[in-house]
C-alpha atoms as a PDB file:
ATOM      1  CA  UNK A   1       0.000   0.000   0.000  1.00  0.00           C
ATOM      2  CA  UNK A   2       2.254   2.734  -1.288  1.00  0.00           C
ATOM      3  CA  UNK A   3       1.564   6.419  -1.509  1.00  0.00           C
ATOM      4  CA  UNK A   4       0.734   7.238  -5.111  1.00  0.00           C
ATOM      5  CA  UNK A   5      -0.978  10.589  -4.695  1.00  0.00           C
ATOM      6  CA  UNK A   6       1.425  13.521  -4.822  1.00  0.00           C
ATOM      7  CA  UNK A   7       0.641  16.525  -2.688  1.00  0.00           C
ATOM      8  CA  UNK A   8       0.329  19.943  -4.343  1.00  0.00           C
ATOM      9  CA  UNK A   9       3.175  21.288  -2.180  1.00  0.00           C
ATOM     10  CA  UNK A  10       5.593  18.707  -3.591  1.00  0.00           C
ATOM     11  CA  UNK A  11       4.561  19.477  -7.158  1.00  0.00           C
ATOM     12  CA  UNK A  12       5.154  23.206  -6.656  1.00  0.00           C
ATOM     13  CA  UNK A  13       8.474  22.595  -4.913  1.00  0.00           C
ATOM     14  CA  UNK A  14       9.663  20.309  -7.724  1.00  0.00           C
ATOM     15  CA  UNK A  15       8.737  22.833 -10.417  1.00  0.00           C
ATOM     16  CA  UNK A  16      10.528  25.569  -8.462  1.00  0.00           C
ATOM     17  CA  UNK A  17      13.631  23.383  -8.156  1.00  0.00           C
ATOM     18  CA  UNK A  18      13.598  22.574 -11.874  1.00  0.00           C
ATOM     19  CA  UNK A  19      13.288  26.277 -12.707  1.00  0.00           C
ATOM     20  CA  UNK A  20      16.156  27.172 -10.391  1.00  0.00           C
ATOM     21  CA  UNK A  21      18.266  24.369 -11.886  1.00  0.00           C
ATOM     22  CA  UNK A  22      17.646  25.697 -15.396  1.00  0.00           C
ATOM     23  CA  UNK A  23      18.624  29.231 -14.333  1.00  0.00           C
ATOM     24  CA  UNK A  24      21.801  27.887 -12.714  1.00  0.00           C
ATOM     25  CA  UNK A  25      22.670  25.848 -15.820  1.00  0.00           C
ATOM     26  CA  UNK A  26      22.123  28.921 -18.029  1.00  0.00           C
ATOM     27  CA  UNK A  27      24.401  31.009 -15.785  1.00  0.00           C
ATOM     28  CA  UNK A  28      27.123  28.361 -15.910  1.00  0.00           C
ATOM     29  CA  UNK A  29      26.841  28.091 -19.701  1.00  0.00           C
ATOM     30  CA  UNK A  30      27.006  31.885 -20.067  1.00  0.00           C
ATOM     31  CA  UNK A  31      30.045  32.136 -17.794  1.00  0.00           C
ATOM     32  CA  UNK A  32      31.794  29.304 -19.636  1.00  0.00           C
ATOM     33  CA  UNK A  33      31.018  30.840 -23.028  1.00  0.00           C
ATOM     34  CA  UNK A  34      32.284  34.279 -22.032  1.00  0.00           C
ATOM     35  CA  UNK A  35      35.443  32.740 -20.587  1.00  0.00           C
ATOM     36  CA  UNK A  36      36.132  30.809 -23.791  1.00  0.00           C
ATOM     37  CA  UNK A  37      35.633  33.930 -25.933  1.00  0.00           C
ATOM     38  CA  UNK A  38      37.888  35.986 -23.670  1.00  0.00           C
ATOM     39  CA  UNK A  39      40.621  33.353 -23.700  1.00  0.00           C
ATOM     40  CA  UNK A  40      40.491  32.789 -27.464  1.00  0.00           C
ATOM     41  CA  UNK A  41      40.513  36.496 -28.396  1.00  0.00           C
ATOM     42  CA  UNK A  42      43.017  37.793 -25.861  1.00  0.00           C
ATOM     43  CA  UNK A  43      45.695  35.126 -25.852  1.00  0.00           C
ATOM     44  CA  UNK A  44      48.501  37.678 -26.300  1.00  0.00           C
ATOM     45  CA  UNK A  45      47.148  40.050 -23.645  1.00  0.00           C
ATOM     46  CA  UNK A  46      47.935  40.100 -19.961  1.00  0.00           C
ATOM     47  CA  UNK A  47      45.510  41.593 -17.453  1.00  0.00           C
ATOM     48  CA  UNK A  48      47.388  43.463 -14.733  1.00  0.00           C
ATOM     49  CA  UNK A  49      45.913  46.038 -12.393  1.00  0.00           C
ATOM     50  CA  UNK A  50      42.871  46.582 -14.636  1.00  0.00           C
ATOM     51  CA  UNK A  51      45.012  47.598 -17.620  1.00  0.00           C
ATOM     52  CA  UNK A  52      45.993  45.471 -20.581  1.00  0.00           C
ATOM     53  CA  UNK A  53      49.412  45.257 -22.134  1.00  0.00           C
ATOM     54  CA  UNK A  54      51.014  43.055 -24.743  1.00  0.00           C
ATOM     55  CA  UNK A  55      52.974  40.099 -23.477  1.00  0.00           C
ATOM     56  CA  UNK A  56      56.787  40.533 -23.410  1.00  0.00           C
ATOM     57  CA  UNK A  57      57.323  38.255 -26.406  1.00  0.00           C
ATOM     58  CA  UNK A  58      55.489  40.789 -28.600  1.00  0.00           C
ATOM     59  CA  UNK A  59      57.476  43.796 -27.483  1.00  0.00           C
ATOM     60  CA  UNK A  60      58.150  46.523 -30.062  1.00  0.00           C
ATOM     61  CA  UNK A  61      61.583  47.172 -28.573  1.00  0.00           C
ATOM     62  CA  UNK A  62      63.856  44.267 -29.651  1.00  0.00           C
ATOM     63  CA  UNK A  63      66.320  44.771 -26.797  1.00  0.00           C
ATOM     64  CA  UNK A  64      63.574  44.446 -24.177  1.00  0.00           C
ATOM     65  CA  UNK A  65      64.710  47.641 -22.411  1.00  0.00           C
ATOM     66  CA  UNK A  66      62.277  50.440 -21.676  1.00  0.00           C
ATOM     67  CA  UNK A  67      62.672  53.723 -23.592  1.00  0.00           C
ATOM     68  CA  UNK A  68      63.025  55.832 -20.455  1.00  0.00           C
ATOM     69  CA  UNK A  69      65.872  53.857 -18.914  1.00  0.00           C
END
């Protein structure tokens, strides 16, 4: 003699959990997608102190010394 009738509270809770799971999955997919785009487009850039600069291997000065030194 099992319980086959589902209470309305359980149905509402399950639909809420499914909705929250879909929102979480969408957020994860969006974060992953933005990360992949950022990595693929900015492979030669380095983020440092909220400014971007080219990596040292792409320096315009062949000696590697700064102009002001």
